[in-house]
Amino acid sequence: MTEKQDFGEVLTLGEVARFLQLSKATVYLYAQRGKLPGVKMGNKWRFSKKKIEDMLYTGEGLQKKRPVVYKDREE
């Protein structure tokens, strides 16, 4: 038997955009790329507010990875 998880309040893409102060297009892109925890149901995205808040609290998710440093080429 699977465990039941408490996802808390479920948000739409527009609600997440307002909550994170991002555009809808950015939220959509981040969700598609897996940078935001969400589930696509049919043609609509749904997000757990608790998971979004946890992501912000822990600092995981939207932050950029370490910058890539290119060494100078010897020519």
PDB file of N, CA and C in Angstrom:
ATOM      1  N   MET A   1       0.849  -1.186   0.000  1.00  0.00           N
ATOM      2  CA  MET A   1       0.000   0.000   0.000  1.00  0.00           C
ATOM      3  C   MET A   1       0.892   1.247   0.000  1.00  0.00           C
ATOM      4  N   THR A   2       0.539   2.237  -0.776  1.00  0.00           N
ATOM      5  CA  THR A   2       1.342   3.451  -0.856  1.00  0.00           C
ATOM      6  C   THR A   2       0.981   4.404   0.273  1.00  0.00           C
ATOM      7  N   GLU A   3       1.982   5.203   0.641  1.00  0.00           N
ATOM      8  CA  GLU A   3       1.749   6.192   1.693  1.00  0.00           C
ATOM      9  C   GLU A   3       1.026   7.397   1.110  1.00  0.00           C
ATOM     10  N   LYS A   4       0.129   7.945   1.862  1.00  0.00           N
ATOM     11  CA  LYS A   4      -0.573   9.156   1.455  1.00  0.00           C
ATOM     12  C   LYS A   4       0.254  10.348   1.929  1.00  0.00           C
ATOM     13  N   GLN A   5       0.526  11.273   1.020  1.00  0.00           N
ATOM     14  CA  GLN A   5       1.315  12.448   1.363  1.00  0.00           C
ATOM     15  C   GLN A   5       0.410  13.668   1.468  1.00  0.00           C
ATOM     16  N   ASP A   6       0.821  14.600   2.333  1.00  0.00           N
ATOM     17  CA  ASP A   6       0.083  15.848   2.477  1.00  0.00           C
ATOM     18  C   ASP A   6       0.722  16.885   1.566  1.00  0.00           C
ATOM     19  N   PHE A   7       0.051  17.192   0.453  1.00  0.00           N
ATOM     20  CA  PHE A   7       0.576  18.165  -0.483  1.00  0.00           C
ATOM     21  C   PHE A   7       0.134  19.580  -0.139  1.00  0.00           C
ATOM     22  N   GLY A   8      -0.762  19.696   0.813  1.00  0.00           N
ATOM     23  CA  GLY A   8      -1.247  21.014   1.186  1.00  0.00           C
ATOM     24  C   GLY A   8      -2.088  21.618   0.080  1.00  0.00           C
ATOM     25  N   GLU A   9      -2.069  22.919   0.011  1.00  0.00           N
ATOM     26  CA  GLU A   9      -2.858  23.645  -0.977  1.00  0.00           C
ATOM     27  C   GLU A   9      -2.293  23.411  -2.382  1.00  0.00           C
ATOM     28  N   VAL A  10      -3.162  23.195  -3.342  1.00  0.00           N
ATOM     29  CA  VAL A  10      -2.753  22.995  -4.732  1.00  0.00           C
ATOM     30  C   VAL A  10      -2.944  24.307  -5.483  1.00  0.00           C
ATOM     31  N   LEU A  11      -1.892  24.716  -6.209  1.00  0.00           N
ATOM     32  CA  LEU A  11      -1.909  25.990  -6.924  1.00  0.00           C
ATOM     33  C   LEU A  11      -1.892  25.772  -8.430  1.00  0.00           C
ATOM     34  N   THR A  12      -2.466  26.709  -9.148  1.00  0.00           N
ATOM     35  CA  THR A  12      -2.407  26.702 -10.606  1.00  0.00           C
ATOM     36  C   THR A  12      -1.114  27.400 -11.039  1.00  0.00           C
ATOM     37  N   LEU A  13      -0.835  27.337 -12.326  1.00  0.00           N
ATOM     38  CA  LEU A  13       0.354  27.989 -12.864  1.00  0.00           C
ATOM     39  C   LEU A  13       0.317  29.500 -12.595  1.00  0.00           C
ATOM     40  N   GLY A  14      -0.843  30.117 -12.798  1.00  0.00           N
ATOM     41  CA  GLY A  14      -0.977  31.556 -12.549  1.00  0.00           C
ATOM     42  C   GLY A  14      -0.776  31.923 -11.093  1.00  0.00           C
ATOM     43  N   GLU A  15      -1.278  31.087 -10.200  1.00  0.00           N
ATOM     44  CA  GLU A  15      -1.110  31.351  -8.764  1.00  0.00           C
ATOM     45  C   GLU A  15       0.353  31.219  -8.345  1.00  0.00           C
ATOM     46  N   VAL A  16       1.050  30.248  -8.927  1.00  0.00           N
ATOM     47  CA  VAL A  16       2.481  30.091  -8.629  1.00  0.00           C
ATOM     48  C   VAL A  16       3.250  31.292  -9.164  1.00  0.00           C
ATOM     49  N   ALA A  17       2.878  31.756 -10.350  1.00  0.00           N
ATOM     50  CA  ALA A  17       3.538  32.933 -10.931  1.00  0.00           C
ATOM     51  C   ALA A  17       3.378  34.145 -10.012  1.00  0.00           C
ATOM     52  N   ARG A  18       2.183  34.367  -9.498  1.00  0.00           N
ATOM     53  CA  ARG A  18       1.967  35.491  -8.571  1.00  0.00           C
ATOM     54  C   ARG A  18       2.731  35.280  -7.271  1.00  0.00           C
ATOM     55  N   PHE A  19       2.712  34.046  -6.751  1.00  0.00           N
ATOM     56  CA  PHE A  19       3.382  33.729  -5.492  1.00  0.00           C
ATOM     57  C   PHE A  19       4.889  33.952  -5.592  1.00  0.00           C
ATOM     58  N   LEU A  20       5.494  33.532  -6.702  1.00  0.00           N
ATOM     59  CA  LEU A  20       6.939  33.664  -6.885  1.00  0.00           C
ATOM     60  C   LEU A  20       7.339  34.963  -7.569  1.00  0.00           C
ATOM     61  N   GLN A  21       6.347  35.757  -7.964  1.00  0.00           N
ATOM     62  CA  GLN A  21       6.559  37.019  -8.674  1.00  0.00           C
ATOM     63  C   GLN A  21       7.364  36.796  -9.949  1.00  0.00           C
ATOM     64  N   LEU A  22       6.918  35.795 -10.722  1.00  0.00           N
ATOM     65  CA  LEU A  22       7.493  35.473 -12.017  1.00  0.00           C
ATOM     66  C   LEU A  22       6.379  35.539 -13.058  1.00  0.00           C
ATOM     67  N   SER A  23       6.773  35.568 -14.320  1.00  0.00           N
ATOM     68  CA  SER A  23       5.755  35.525 -15.370  1.00  0.00           C
ATOM     69  C   SER A  23       5.233  34.098 -15.507  1.00  0.00           C
ATOM     70  N   LYS A  24       4.052  33.960 -16.079  1.00  0.00           N
ATOM     71  CA  LYS A  24       3.485  32.636 -16.312  1.00  0.00           C
ATOM     72  C   LYS A  24       4.383  31.833 -17.249  1.00  0.00           C
ATOM     73  N   ALA A  25       4.951  32.503 -18.235  1.00  0.00           N
ATOM     74  CA  ALA A  25       5.828  31.827 -19.199  1.00  0.00           C
ATOM     75  C   ALA A  25       7.060  31.248 -18.497  1.00  0.00           C
ATOM     76  N   THR A  26       7.610  31.980 -17.546  1.00  0.00           N
ATOM     77  CA  THR A  26       8.778  31.503 -16.810  1.00  0.00           C
ATOM     78  C   THR A  26       8.420  30.310 -15.941  1.00  0.00           C
ATOM     79  N   VAL A  27       7.297  30.379 -15.256  1.00  0.00           N
ATOM     80  CA  VAL A  27       6.855  29.255 -14.420  1.00  0.00           C
ATOM     81  C   VAL A  27       6.632  28.024 -15.291  1.00  0.00           C
ATOM     82  N   TYR A  28       6.004  28.207 -16.443  1.00  0.00           N
ATOM     83  CA  TYR A  28       5.751  27.103 -17.369  1.00  0.00           C
ATOM     84  C   TYR A  28       7.075  26.468 -17.817  1.00  0.00           C
ATOM     85  N   LEU A  29       8.030  27.302 -18.193  1.00  0.00           N
ATOM     86  CA  LEU A  29       9.330  26.820 -18.641  1.00  0.00           C
ATOM     87  C   LEU A  29      10.053  26.070 -17.520  1.00  0.00           C
ATOM     88  N   TYR A  30      10.055  26.636 -16.309  1.00  0.00           N
ATOM     89  CA  TYR A  30      10.706  25.981 -15.165  1.00  0.00           C
ATOM     90  C   TYR A  30      10.040  24.649 -14.836  1.00  0.00           C
ATOM     91  N   ALA A  31       8.717  24.597 -14.942  1.00  0.00           N
ATOM     92  CA  ALA A  31       8.004  23.344 -14.658  1.00  0.00           C
ATOM     93  C   ALA A  31       8.369  22.291 -15.699  1.00  0.00           C
ATOM     94  N   GLN A  32       8.410  22.680 -16.962  1.00  0.00           N
ATOM     95  CA  GLN A  32       8.767  21.742 -18.030  1.00  0.00           C
ATOM     96  C   GLN A  32      10.174  21.196 -17.844  1.00  0.00           C
ATOM     97  N   ARG A  33      11.087  22.039 -17.386  1.00  0.00           N
ATOM     98  CA  ARG A  33      12.492  21.643 -17.219  1.00  0.00           C
ATOM     99  C   ARG A  33      12.769  20.967 -15.887  1.00  0.00           C
ATOM    100  N   GLY A  34      11.741  20.858 -15.047  1.00  0.00           N
ATOM    101  CA  GLY A  34      11.916  20.199 -13.763  1.00  0.00           C
ATOM    102  C   GLY A  34      12.527  21.058 -12.678  1.00  0.00           C
ATOM    103  N   LYS A  35      12.595  22.365 -12.905  1.00  0.00           N
ATOM    104  CA  LYS A  35      13.141  23.280 -11.901  1.00  0.00           C
ATOM    105  C   LYS A  35      12.113  23.640 -10.838  1.00  0.00           C
ATOM    106  N   LEU A  36      10.847  23.421 -11.138  1.00  0.00           N
ATOM    107  CA  LEU A  36       9.766  23.626 -10.174  1.00  0.00           C
ATOM    108  C   LEU A  36       9.024  22.304 -10.007  1.00  0.00           C
ATOM    109  N   PRO A  37       8.723  21.942  -8.758  1.00  0.00           N
ATOM    110  CA  PRO A  37       7.990  20.696  -8.533  1.00  0.00           C
ATOM    111  C   PRO A  37       6.521  20.860  -8.901  1.00  0.00           C
ATOM    112  N   GLY A  38       6.113  20.223  -9.967  1.00  0.00           N
ATOM    113  CA  GLY A  38       4.737  20.321 -10.417  1.00  0.00           C
ATOM    114  C   GLY A  38       4.326  19.066 -11.153  1.00  0.00           C
ATOM    115  N   VAL A  39       3.026  18.968 -11.404  1.00  0.00           N
ATOM    116  CA  VAL A  39       2.463  17.822 -12.107  1.00  0.00           C
ATOM    117  C   VAL A  39       1.564  18.349 -13.212  1.00  0.00           C
ATOM    118  N   LYS A  40       1.727  17.795 -14.406  1.00  0.00           N
ATOM    119  CA  LYS A  40       0.858  18.183 -15.508  1.00  0.00           C
ATOM    120  C   LYS A  40      -0.307  17.209 -15.545  1.00  0.00           C
ATOM    121  N   MET A  41      -1.507  17.751 -15.430  1.00  0.00           N
ATOM    122  CA  MET A  41      -2.729  16.952 -15.446  1.00  0.00           C
ATOM    123  C   MET A  41      -3.523  17.367 -16.676  1.00  0.00           C
ATOM    124  N   GLY A  42      -3.516  16.509 -17.677  1.00  0.00           N
ATOM    125  CA  GLY A  42      -4.126  16.891 -18.949  1.00  0.00           C
ATOM    126  C   GLY A  42      -3.248  17.941 -19.593  1.00  0.00           C
ATOM    127  N   ASN A  43      -3.806  19.111 -19.815  1.00  0.00           N
ATOM    128  CA  ASN A  43      -3.008  20.206 -20.377  1.00  0.00           C
ATOM    129  C   ASN A  43      -2.783  21.331 -19.367  1.00  0.00           C
ATOM    130  N   LYS A  44      -2.982  21.033 -18.094  1.00  0.00           N
ATOM    131  CA  LYS A  44      -2.825  22.050 -17.039  1.00  0.00           C
ATOM    132  C   LYS A  44      -1.795  21.599 -16.004  1.00  0.00           C
ATOM    133  N   TRP A  45      -1.021  22.564 -15.521  1.00  0.00           N
ATOM    134  CA  TRP A  45      -0.041  22.285 -14.473  1.00  0.00           C
ATOM    135  C   TRP A  45      -0.656  22.552 -13.103  1.00  0.00           C
ATOM    136  N   ARG A  46      -0.283  21.731 -12.130  1.00  0.00           N
ATOM    137  CA  ARG A  46      -0.697  21.916 -10.738  1.00  0.00           C
ATOM    138  C   ARG A  46       0.542  21.793  -9.860  1.00  0.00           C
ATOM    139  N   PHE A  47       0.576  22.606  -8.802  1.00  0.00           N
ATOM    140  CA  PHE A  47       1.743  22.681  -7.933  1.00  0.00           C
ATOM    141  C   PHE A  47       1.319  22.614  -6.472  1.00  0.00           C
ATOM    142  N   SER A  48       2.108  21.950  -5.672  1.00  0.00           N
ATOM    143  CA  SER A  48       1.884  21.907  -4.239  1.00  0.00           C
ATOM    144  C   SER A  48       2.528  23.151  -3.619  1.00  0.00           C
ATOM    145  N   LYS A  49       1.724  23.965  -2.961  1.00  0.00           N
ATOM    146  CA  LYS A  49       2.273  25.171  -2.333  1.00  0.00           C
ATOM    147  C   LYS A  49       3.309  24.795  -1.289  1.00  0.00           C
ATOM    148  N   LYS A  50       3.065  23.702  -0.576  1.00  0.00           N
ATOM    149  CA  LYS A  50       4.014  23.236   0.448  1.00  0.00           C
ATOM    150  C   LYS A  50       5.365  22.897  -0.179  1.00  0.00           C
ATOM    151  N   LYS A  51       5.349  22.215  -1.322  1.00  0.00           N
ATOM    152  CA  LYS A  51       6.609  21.850  -1.984  1.00  0.00           C
ATOM    153  C   LYS A  51       7.331  23.086  -2.514  1.00  0.00           C
ATOM    154  N   ILE A  52       6.586  24.056  -3.030  1.00  0.00           N
ATOM    155  CA  ILE A  52       7.190  25.312  -3.503  1.00  0.00           C
ATOM    156  C   ILE A  52       7.830  26.048  -2.325  1.00  0.00           C
ATOM    157  N   GLU A  53       7.113  26.133  -1.203  1.00  0.00           N
ATOM    158  CA  GLU A  53       7.654  26.799  -0.015  1.00  0.00           C
ATOM    159  C   GLU A  53       8.883  26.063   0.506  1.00  0.00           C
ATOM    160  N   ASP A  54       8.836  24.728   0.520  1.00  0.00           N
ATOM    161  CA  ASP A  54       9.996  23.939   0.964  1.00  0.00           C
ATOM    162  C   ASP A  54      11.199  24.194   0.063  1.00  0.00           C
ATOM    163  N   MET A  55      10.960  24.271  -1.238  1.00  0.00           N
ATOM    164  CA  MET A  55      12.029  24.532  -2.185  1.00  0.00           C
ATOM    165  C   MET A  55      12.676  25.895  -1.917  1.00  0.00           C
ATOM    166  N   LEU A  56      11.841  26.895  -1.638  1.00  0.00           N
ATOM    167  CA  LEU A  56      12.370  28.230  -1.332  1.00  0.00           C
ATOM    168  C   LEU A  56      13.119  28.243  -0.008  1.00  0.00           C
ATOM    169  N   TYR A  57      12.594  27.520   0.979  1.00  0.00           N
ATOM    170  CA  TYR A  57      13.211  27.483   2.304  1.00  0.00           C
ATOM    171  C   TYR A  57      14.581  26.812   2.259  1.00  0.00           C
ATOM    172  N   THR A  58      14.686  25.718   1.523  1.00  0.00           N
ATOM    173  CA  THR A  58      15.949  24.975   1.472  1.00  0.00           C
ATOM    174  C   THR A  58      16.935  25.560   0.476  1.00  0.00           C
ATOM    175  N   GLY A  59      16.445  26.427  -0.416  1.00  0.00           N
ATOM    176  CA  GLY A  59      17.325  27.019  -1.406  1.00  0.00           C
ATOM    177  C   GLY A  59      17.575  26.126  -2.604  1.00  0.00           C
ATOM    178  N   GLU A  60      16.851  25.032  -2.699  1.00  0.00           N
ATOM    179  CA  GLU A  60      17.019  24.125  -3.829  1.00  0.00           C
ATOM    180  C   GLU A  60      16.037  24.495  -4.927  1.00  0.00           C
ATOM    181  N   GLY A  61      16.384  24.135  -6.140  1.00  0.00           N
ATOM    182  CA  GLY A  61      15.444  24.320  -7.236  1.00  0.00           C
ATOM    183  C   GLY A  61      15.852  25.399  -8.202  1.00  0.00           C
ATOM    184  N   LEU A  62      15.424  26.629  -7.959  1.00  0.00           N
ATOM    185  CA  LEU A  62      15.615  27.675  -8.949  1.00  0.00           C
ATOM    186  C   LEU A  62      17.026  28.241  -8.994  1.00  0.00           C
ATOM    187  N   GLN A  63      17.808  27.997  -7.958  1.00  0.00           N
ATOM    188  CA  GLN A  63      19.130  28.591  -7.968  1.00  0.00           C
ATOM    189  C   GLN A  63      19.975  28.010  -9.091  1.00  0.00           C
ATOM    190  N   LYS A  64      20.882  28.805  -9.560  1.00  0.00           N
ATOM    191  CA  LYS A  64      21.740  28.379 -10.659  1.00  0.00           C
ATOM    192  C   LYS A  64      22.832  27.459 -10.125  1.00  0.00           C
ATOM    193  N   LYS A  65      23.284  26.614 -11.003  1.00  0.00           N
ATOM    194  CA  LYS A  65      24.413  25.750 -10.665  1.00  0.00           C
ATOM    195  C   LYS A  65      25.675  26.604 -10.670  1.00  0.00           C
ATOM    196  N   ARG A  66      26.774  26.002 -10.203  1.00  0.00           N
ATOM    197  CA  ARG A  66      28.027  26.750 -10.209  1.00  0.00           C
ATOM    198  C   ARG A  66      28.347  27.206 -11.629  1.00  0.00           C
ATOM    199  N   PRO A  67      28.901  28.406 -11.763  1.00  0.00           N
ATOM    200  CA  PRO A  67      29.204  28.896 -13.105  1.00  0.00           C
ATOM    201  C   PRO A  67      30.280  28.049 -13.781  1.00  0.00           C
ATOM    202  N   VAL A  68      30.160  27.935 -15.074  1.00  0.00           N
ATOM    203  CA  VAL A  68      31.167  27.202 -15.840  1.00  0.00           C
ATOM    204  C   VAL A  68      32.302  28.161 -16.136  1.00  0.00           C
ATOM    205  N   VAL A  69      33.523  27.736 -15.832  1.00  0.00           N
ATOM    206  CA  VAL A  69      34.688  28.570 -16.087  1.00  0.00           C
ATOM    207  C   VAL A  69      35.495  27.911 -17.203  1.00  0.00           C
ATOM    208  N   TYR A  70      35.679  28.654 -18.272  1.00  0.00           N
ATOM    209  CA  TYR A  70      36.436  28.146 -19.404  1.00  0.00           C
ATOM    210  C   TYR A  70      37.884  28.607 -19.272  1.00  0.00           C
ATOM    211  N   LYS A  71      38.781  27.671 -19.446  1.00  0.00           N
ATOM    212  CA  LYS A  71      40.212  28.015 -19.405  1.00  0.00           C
ATOM    213  C   LYS A  71      40.595  28.643 -20.747  1.00  0.00           C
ATOM    214  N   ASP A  72      41.526  29.566 -20.671  1.00  0.00           N
ATOM    215  CA  ASP A  72      42.011  30.184 -21.907  1.00  0.00           C
ATOM    216  C   ASP A  72      42.688  29.133 -22.773  1.00  0.00           C
ATOM    217  N   ARG A  73      42.392  29.201 -24.057  1.00  0.00           N
ATOM    218  CA  ARG A  73      43.022  28.268 -24.988  1.00  0.00           C
ATOM    219  C   ARG A  73      44.400  28.790 -25.370  1.00  0.00           C
ATOM    220  N   GLU A  74      45.286  27.865 -25.481  1.00  0.00           N
ATOM    221  CA  GLU A  74      46.613  28.255 -25.966  1.00  0.00           C
ATOM    222  C   GLU A  74      46.607  28.096 -27.475  1.00  0.00           C
ATOM    223  N   GLU A  75      46.951  29.154 -28.168  1.00  0.00           N
ATOM    224  CA  GLU A  75      46.924  29.084 -29.629  1.00  0.00           C
ATOM    225  C   GLU A  75      48.295  29.240 -30.195  1.00  0.00           C
TER     226      GLU A  75
END
